[in-house]
Amino acid sequence: MPVTADQLVRALVKNLAHEWTPPADVSSETILDRVVRDHVREWLQEEAGIPSADIRRWVAGHEQLKANKPNWTGSKAYQVVTLWGAGKTSDLFIYHTDGDYGLPKTGISLEVKYVGRSKKTGKPQSYASAITTTAGQLLAYSIRHYWTIGLVWVDGPRRKPAQRNDGNRELCDELLKRLPENATLIVRFGGRRESL
C-alpha cells in the first residue's frame, strides 16, 4: 500500500498505463471520464485505504448526482489554475487538505481525453490534437499541482507514418521529454496495452 504521494503517483500511473483497460462500451469522452473517475476511486480505496465515506470528497470529479456536486465545488479552491483571467479545472482532482492517506495537499490532477472512430470510415479520428491539447493542459496544471496526469484513450490502433521523410519522423519521445517533471502523459490505443 503506497504511503507517500510519490509512491501513490507512481502506482496510479502504472495502473492507468499498463494494468487497467476501459470497458469496450466506452464510446465518448463523457463516458470515459465517468469510468476513469469510478476506477480511480475504487483503486484509491484499495491502495491508499481511503474510506468509502470520504472517497468522493478527496477524489473530486464531474458529478451527475446533485448530492456529490459540493465535493467538486469544494475542490476548486485547491485545483483551479488561472491563466489570463480564465480558470481551468481538470476532469478529476485527487487531494487532501491535511495530506492524509498519502494524498498531496496540492493535489493530483487527471485530464481525460477520448478519441473516437469516424462514423464515415470506422477508423480512429486524428489523435495528434488530443495528445498535444492534453500536453498543454499538463503544462498548466503542473504549475500549481503536486502531479498531473493526462490519459488519452484512442479507440483504435496506433497509426504508422504515411511517408518516410524527416517531416514524419516520430517525435513522441521528444514531446514526453519536454513535459515538466511532475507531469505524465499516457496515450493508450484500443484494447491493447500500448502506451507512450
C-alpha atoms as a PDB file:
ATOM      1  CA  MET A   1       0.000   0.000   0.000  1.00  0.00           C
ATOM      2  CA  PRO A   2       1.586   3.328  -1.058  1.00  0.00           C
ATOM      3  CA  VAL A   3       2.241   5.662   1.860  1.00  0.00           C
ATOM      4  CA  THR A   4       3.772   8.728   0.258  1.00  0.00           C
ATOM      5  CA  ALA A   5       2.453  10.958  -2.509  1.00  0.00           C
ATOM      6  CA  ASP A   6       5.352   9.883  -4.780  1.00  0.00           C
ATOM      7  CA  GLN A   7       4.586   6.189  -4.260  1.00  0.00           C
ATOM      8  CA  LEU A   8       0.891   6.813  -4.826  1.00  0.00           C
ATOM      9  CA  VAL A   9       1.505   8.720  -8.084  1.00  0.00           C
ATOM     10  CA  ARG A  10       3.887   6.066  -9.433  1.00  0.00           C
ATOM     11  CA  ALA A  11       1.428   3.283  -8.621  1.00  0.00           C
ATOM     12  CA  LEU A  12      -1.523   5.176 -10.155  1.00  0.00           C
ATOM     13  CA  VAL A  13       0.418   5.943 -13.356  1.00  0.00           C
ATOM     14  CA  LYS A  14       1.464   2.281 -13.621  1.00  0.00           C
ATOM     15  CA  ASN A  15      -2.137   1.180 -13.145  1.00  0.00           C
ATOM     16  CA  LEU A  16      -3.572   3.546 -15.762  1.00  0.00           C
ATOM     17  CA  ALA A  17      -0.784   2.961 -18.285  1.00  0.00           C
ATOM     18  CA  HIS A  18      -0.301  -0.787 -18.059  1.00  0.00           C
ATOM     19  CA  GLU A  19      -2.819  -2.606 -15.867  1.00  0.00           C
ATOM     20  CA  TRP A  20      -6.276  -1.130 -16.421  1.00  0.00           C
ATOM     21  CA  THR A  21      -8.290  -1.008 -19.636  1.00  0.00           C
ATOM     22  CA  PRO A  22     -11.633   0.759 -20.023  1.00  0.00           C
ATOM     23  CA  PRO A  23     -14.626  -1.430 -20.857  1.00  0.00           C
ATOM     24  CA  ALA A  24     -15.336  -1.993 -24.543  1.00  0.00           C
ATOM     25  CA  ASP A  25     -18.583   0.003 -24.429  1.00  0.00           C
ATOM     26  CA  VAL A  26     -16.817   3.338 -23.822  1.00  0.00           C
ATOM     27  CA  SER A  27     -17.908   5.478 -26.774  1.00  0.00           C
ATOM     28  CA  SER A  28     -17.492   9.101 -25.669  1.00  0.00           C
ATOM     29  CA  GLU A  29     -15.350  11.353 -23.505  1.00  0.00           C
ATOM     30  CA  THR A  30     -18.226  11.773 -21.018  1.00  0.00           C
ATOM     31  CA  ILE A  31     -18.440   8.015 -20.529  1.00  0.00           C
ATOM     32  CA  LEU A  32     -14.642   7.631 -20.327  1.00  0.00           C
ATOM     33  CA  ASP A  33     -14.470  10.445 -17.769  1.00  0.00           C
ATOM     34  CA  ARG A  34     -17.034   8.686 -15.542  1.00  0.00           C
ATOM     35  CA  VAL A  35     -15.404   5.253 -15.970  1.00  0.00           C
ATOM     36  CA  VAL A  36     -11.933   6.625 -15.114  1.00  0.00           C
ATOM     37  CA  ARG A  37     -13.333   8.542 -12.112  1.00  0.00           C
ATOM     38  CA  ASP A  38     -15.049   5.434 -10.737  1.00  0.00           C
ATOM     39  CA  HIS A  39     -11.982   3.252 -11.374  1.00  0.00           C
ATOM     40  CA  VAL A  40      -9.605   5.695  -9.657  1.00  0.00           C
ATOM     41  CA  ARG A  41     -11.935   5.964  -6.659  1.00  0.00           C
ATOM     42  CA  GLU A  42     -12.096   2.175  -6.284  1.00  0.00           C
ATOM     43  CA  TRP A  43      -8.338   1.853  -6.811  1.00  0.00           C
ATOM     44  CA  LEU A  44      -7.566   4.526  -4.183  1.00  0.00           C
ATOM     45  CA  GLN A  45      -9.904   2.936  -1.651  1.00  0.00           C
ATOM     46  CA  GLU A  46      -7.915  -0.270  -2.018  1.00  0.00           C
ATOM     47  CA  GLU A  47      -4.397   1.140  -2.460  1.00  0.00           C
ATOM     48  CA  ALA A  48      -4.487   4.163  -0.135  1.00  0.00           C
ATOM     49  CA  GLY A  49      -7.095   2.927   2.324  1.00  0.00           C
ATOM     50  CA  ILE A  50      -9.422   5.871   1.832  1.00  0.00           C
ATOM     51  CA  PRO A  51     -12.752   5.037   3.495  1.00  0.00           C
ATOM     52  CA  SER A  52     -15.751   4.874   1.156  1.00  0.00           C
ATOM     53  CA  ALA A  53     -17.390   7.675   3.185  1.00  0.00           C
ATOM     54  CA  ASP A  54     -14.509  10.025   2.232  1.00  0.00           C
ATOM     55  CA  ILE A  55     -13.686   8.942  -1.316  1.00  0.00           C
ATOM     56  CA  ARG A  56     -15.994  11.387  -3.138  1.00  0.00           C
ATOM     57  CA  ARG A  57     -14.666  14.299  -1.109  1.00  0.00           C
ATOM     58  CA  TRP A  58     -10.964  13.703  -1.770  1.00  0.00           C
ATOM     59  CA  VAL A  59     -11.327  12.336  -5.303  1.00  0.00           C
ATOM     60  CA  ALA A  60     -13.433  15.069  -6.854  1.00  0.00           C
ATOM     61  CA  GLY A  61     -14.790  14.722 -10.362  1.00  0.00           C
ATOM     62  CA  HIS A  62     -17.597  15.967 -12.534  1.00  0.00           C
ATOM     63  CA  GLU A  63     -20.672  14.543 -10.853  1.00  0.00           C
ATOM     64  CA  GLN A  64     -24.116  13.661 -12.110  1.00  0.00           C
ATOM     65  CA  LEU A  65     -25.650  13.285  -8.654  1.00  0.00           C
ATOM     66  CA  LYS A  66     -26.558  16.629  -7.147  1.00  0.00           C
ATOM     67  CA  ALA A  67     -25.570  15.427  -3.665  1.00  0.00           C
ATOM     68  CA  ASN A  68     -21.945  14.944  -4.841  1.00  0.00           C
ATOM     69  CA  LYS A  69     -21.566  18.332  -6.588  1.00  0.00           C
ATOM     70  CA  PRO A  70     -20.403  20.169  -3.409  1.00  0.00           C
ATOM     71  CA  ASN A  71     -17.271  17.975  -3.388  1.00  0.00           C
ATOM     72  CA  TRP A  72     -16.356  19.183  -6.882  1.00  0.00           C
ATOM     73  CA  THR A  73     -17.121  22.779  -5.964  1.00  0.00           C
ATOM     74  CA  GLY A  74     -15.033  22.474  -2.781  1.00  0.00           C
ATOM     75  CA  SER A  75     -12.047  21.133  -4.719  1.00  0.00           C
ATOM     76  CA  LYS A  76     -11.891  24.190  -6.962  1.00  0.00           C
ATOM     77  CA  ALA A  77     -10.185  26.309  -4.311  1.00  0.00           C
ATOM     78  CA  TYR A  78      -7.279  23.839  -4.468  1.00  0.00           C
ATOM     79  CA  GLN A  79      -7.189  22.985  -8.144  1.00  0.00           C
ATOM     80  CA  VAL A  80      -8.159  25.950 -10.353  1.00  0.00           C
ATOM     81  CA  VAL A  81      -5.295  27.224 -12.484  1.00  0.00           C
ATOM     82  CA  THR A  82      -5.963  30.776 -13.662  1.00  0.00           C
ATOM     83  CA  LEU A  83      -4.390  31.916 -16.917  1.00  0.00           C
ATOM     84  CA  TRP A  84      -5.053  35.365 -18.392  1.00  0.00           C
ATOM     85  CA  GLY A  85      -8.056  35.726 -16.077  1.00  0.00           C
ATOM     86  CA  ALA A  86      -9.700  32.424 -17.013  1.00  0.00           C
ATOM     87  CA  GLY A  87      -9.821  29.449 -14.651  1.00  0.00           C
ATOM     88  CA  LYS A  88      -9.102  25.867 -15.738  1.00  0.00           C
ATOM     89  CA  THR A  89     -10.007  22.698 -13.837  1.00  0.00           C
ATOM     90  CA  SER A  90      -9.082  19.103 -14.593  1.00  0.00           C
ATOM     91  CA  ASP A  91     -11.504  16.214 -15.098  1.00  0.00           C
ATOM     92  CA  LEU A  92     -10.527  14.602 -11.798  1.00  0.00           C
ATOM     93  CA  PHE A  93      -8.722  16.094  -8.809  1.00  0.00           C
ATOM     94  CA  ILE A  94      -7.205  13.962  -6.035  1.00  0.00           C
ATOM     95  CA  TYR A  95      -6.096  15.768  -2.871  1.00  0.00           C
ATOM     96  CA  HIS A  96      -6.382  16.038   0.914  1.00  0.00           C
ATOM     97  CA  THR A  97      -6.128  19.357   2.752  1.00  0.00           C
ATOM     98  CA  ASP A  98      -4.094  17.698   5.558  1.00  0.00           C
ATOM     99  CA  GLY A  99      -2.105  15.299   3.363  1.00  0.00           C
ATOM    100  CA  ASP A 100      -3.815  12.198   4.802  1.00  0.00           C
ATOM    101  CA  TYR A 101      -3.820   8.795   3.014  1.00  0.00           C
ATOM    102  CA  GLY A 102      -0.643   9.798   1.159  1.00  0.00           C
ATOM    103  CA  LEU A 103      -2.630  12.318  -0.874  1.00  0.00           C
ATOM    104  CA  PRO A 104      -0.791  15.569  -1.576  1.00  0.00           C
ATOM    105  CA  LYS A 105      -2.249  18.831  -0.266  1.00  0.00           C
ATOM    106  CA  THR A 106      -1.673  20.460  -3.645  1.00  0.00           C
ATOM    107  CA  GLY A 107      -3.321  17.588  -5.472  1.00  0.00           C
ATOM    108  CA  ILE A 108      -3.001  15.258  -8.412  1.00  0.00           C
ATOM    109  CA  SER A 109      -4.919  16.421 -11.459  1.00  0.00           C
ATOM    110  CA  LEU A 110      -6.094  13.927 -14.051  1.00  0.00           C
ATOM    111  CA  GLU A 111      -7.131  15.031 -17.532  1.00  0.00           C
ATOM    112  CA  VAL A 112      -9.021  12.532 -19.710  1.00  0.00           C
ATOM    113  CA  LYS A 113      -9.414  12.635 -23.496  1.00  0.00           C
ATOM    114  CA  TYR A 114     -11.308  10.197 -25.726  1.00  0.00           C
ATOM    115  CA  VAL A 115     -10.630   9.906 -29.453  1.00  0.00           C
ATOM    116  CA  GLY A 116     -13.423   8.025 -31.197  1.00  0.00           C
ATOM    117  CA  ARG A 117     -13.821   6.429 -34.587  1.00  0.00           C
ATOM    118  CA  SER A 118     -15.016   8.243 -37.691  1.00  0.00           C
ATOM    119  CA  LYS A 119     -18.663   7.454 -38.413  1.00  0.00           C
ATOM    120  CA  LYS A 120     -17.836   7.609 -42.116  1.00  0.00           C
ATOM    121  CA  THR A 121     -14.766   5.336 -42.269  1.00  0.00           C
ATOM    122  CA  GLY A 122     -14.807   3.482 -38.933  1.00  0.00           C
ATOM    123  CA  LYS A 123     -11.137   4.388 -38.441  1.00  0.00           C
ATOM    124  CA  PRO A 124      -9.859   6.277 -35.407  1.00  0.00           C
ATOM    125  CA  GLN A 125     -10.102  10.036 -35.764  1.00  0.00           C
ATOM    126  CA  SER A 126      -6.926  12.084 -35.720  1.00  0.00           C
ATOM    127  CA  TYR A 127      -5.466  11.870 -32.241  1.00  0.00           C
ATOM    128  CA  ALA A 128      -2.490  14.235 -32.565  1.00  0.00           C
ATOM    129  CA  SER A 129      -4.558  17.252 -31.494  1.00  0.00           C
ATOM    130  CA  ALA A 130      -5.962  15.418 -28.437  1.00  0.00           C
ATOM    131  CA  ILE A 131      -2.413  14.490 -27.390  1.00  0.00           C
ATOM    132  CA  THR A 132      -0.998  17.990 -27.858  1.00  0.00           C
ATOM    133  CA  THR A 133      -4.008  19.633 -26.165  1.00  0.00           C
ATOM    134  CA  THR A 134      -3.561  17.330 -23.188  1.00  0.00           C
ATOM    135  CA  ALA A 135       0.178  18.077 -23.067  1.00  0.00           C
ATOM    136  CA  GLY A 136      -0.641  21.800 -22.892  1.00  0.00           C
ATOM    137  CA  GLN A 137      -3.111  21.196 -20.084  1.00  0.00           C
ATOM    138  CA  LEU A 138      -0.491  19.211 -18.180  1.00  0.00           C
ATOM    139  CA  LEU A 139       1.906  22.134 -18.505  1.00  0.00           C
ATOM    140  CA  ALA A 140      -0.689  24.483 -16.995  1.00  0.00           C
ATOM    141  CA  TYR A 141      -1.655  22.122 -14.142  1.00  0.00           C
ATOM    142  CA  SER A 142       1.991  21.390 -13.316  1.00  0.00           C
ATOM    143  CA  ILE A 143       2.414  24.981 -12.157  1.00  0.00           C
ATOM    144  CA  ARG A 144       0.036  24.516  -9.221  1.00  0.00           C
ATOM    145  CA  HIS A 145      -0.466  20.787  -8.635  1.00  0.00           C
ATOM    146  CA  TYR A 146       1.835  18.270  -6.992  1.00  0.00           C
ATOM    147  CA  TRP A 147       1.449  15.974 -10.009  1.00  0.00           C
ATOM    148  CA  THR A 148      -0.627  15.948 -13.171  1.00  0.00           C
ATOM    149  CA  ILE A 149      -1.591  13.002 -15.357  1.00  0.00           C
ATOM    150  CA  GLY A 150      -3.069  13.071 -18.839  1.00  0.00           C
ATOM    151  CA  LEU A 151      -4.818   9.978 -20.199  1.00  0.00           C
ATOM    152  CA  VAL A 152      -5.639   9.937 -23.906  1.00  0.00           C
ATOM    153  CA  TRP A 153      -7.675   6.887 -24.969  1.00  0.00           C
ATOM    154  CA  VAL A 154      -7.753   6.260 -28.724  1.00  0.00           C
ATOM    155  CA  ASP A 155     -10.485   3.888 -29.896  1.00  0.00           C
ATOM    156  CA  GLY A 156      -8.339   2.012 -32.406  1.00  0.00           C
ATOM    157  CA  PRO A 157      -4.760   1.144 -33.335  1.00  0.00           C
ATOM    158  CA  ARG A 158      -1.749   3.408 -33.463  1.00  0.00           C
ATOM    159  CA  ARG A 159      -1.043   4.748 -36.944  1.00  0.00           C
ATOM    160  CA  LYS A 160       2.103   4.268 -38.928  1.00  0.00           C
ATOM    161  CA  PRO A 161       3.600   7.289 -40.730  1.00  0.00           C
ATOM    162  CA  ALA A 162       2.298   7.548 -44.290  1.00  0.00           C
ATOM    163  CA  GLN A 163       5.625   8.645 -45.765  1.00  0.00           C
ATOM    164  CA  ARG A 164       9.204   8.145 -44.742  1.00  0.00           C
ATOM    165  CA  ASN A 165      10.713  11.616 -44.606  1.00  0.00           C
ATOM    166  CA  ASP A 166      12.011  13.919 -41.916  1.00  0.00           C
ATOM    167  CA  GLY A 167       8.618  15.589 -41.531  1.00  0.00           C
ATOM    168  CA  ASN A 168       7.090  12.267 -40.474  1.00  0.00           C
ATOM    169  CA  ARG A 169       9.823  11.346 -38.022  1.00  0.00           C
ATOM    170  CA  GLU A 170       8.287  10.049 -34.784  1.00  0.00           C
ATOM    171  CA  LEU A 171       8.600  12.735 -32.113  1.00  0.00           C
ATOM    172  CA  CYS A 172       6.562  11.318 -29.221  1.00  0.00           C
ATOM    173  CA  ASP A 173       9.670  10.710 -27.102  1.00  0.00           C
ATOM    174  CA  GLU A 174      10.755  14.325 -27.657  1.00  0.00           C
ATOM    175  CA  LEU A 175       7.326  15.582 -26.547  1.00  0.00           C
ATOM    176  CA  LEU A 176       7.431  13.454 -23.393  1.00  0.00           C
ATOM    177  CA  LYS A 177      10.951  14.705 -22.529  1.00  0.00           C
ATOM    178  CA  ARG A 178       9.742  18.301 -22.683  1.00  0.00           C
ATOM    179  CA  LEU A 179       6.893  17.830 -20.231  1.00  0.00           C
ATOM    180  CA  PRO A 180       7.523  19.151 -16.710  1.00  0.00           C
ATOM    181  CA  GLU A 181       8.987  16.672 -14.203  1.00  0.00           C
ATOM    182  CA  ASN A 182       5.655  16.489 -12.356  1.00  0.00           C
ATOM    183  CA  ALA A 183       3.616  15.572 -15.439  1.00  0.00           C
ATOM    184  CA  THR A 184       2.868  12.203 -17.031  1.00  0.00           C
ATOM    185  CA  LEU A 185       1.185  11.748 -20.398  1.00  0.00           C
ATOM    186  CA  ILE A 186      -0.348   8.323 -21.076  1.00  0.00           C
ATOM    187  CA  VAL A 187      -1.593   7.507 -24.580  1.00  0.00           C
ATOM    188  CA  ARG A 188      -3.477   4.224 -24.949  1.00  0.00           C
ATOM    189  CA  PHE A 189      -4.764   2.644 -28.154  1.00  0.00           C
ATOM    190  CA  GLY A 190      -7.874   0.444 -28.370  1.00  0.00           C
ATOM    191  CA  GLY A 191      -7.899  -2.522 -26.060  1.00  0.00           C
ATOM    192  CA  ARG A 192      -4.183  -3.064 -26.464  1.00  0.00           C
ATOM    193  CA  ARG A 193      -1.828  -2.336 -23.601  1.00  0.00           C
ATOM    194  CA  GLU A 194       0.292   0.034 -25.666  1.00  0.00           C
ATOM    195  CA  SER A 195       1.252   3.384 -24.162  1.00  0.00           C
ATOM    196  CA  LEU A 196       3.727   6.130 -24.937  1.00  0.00           C
END
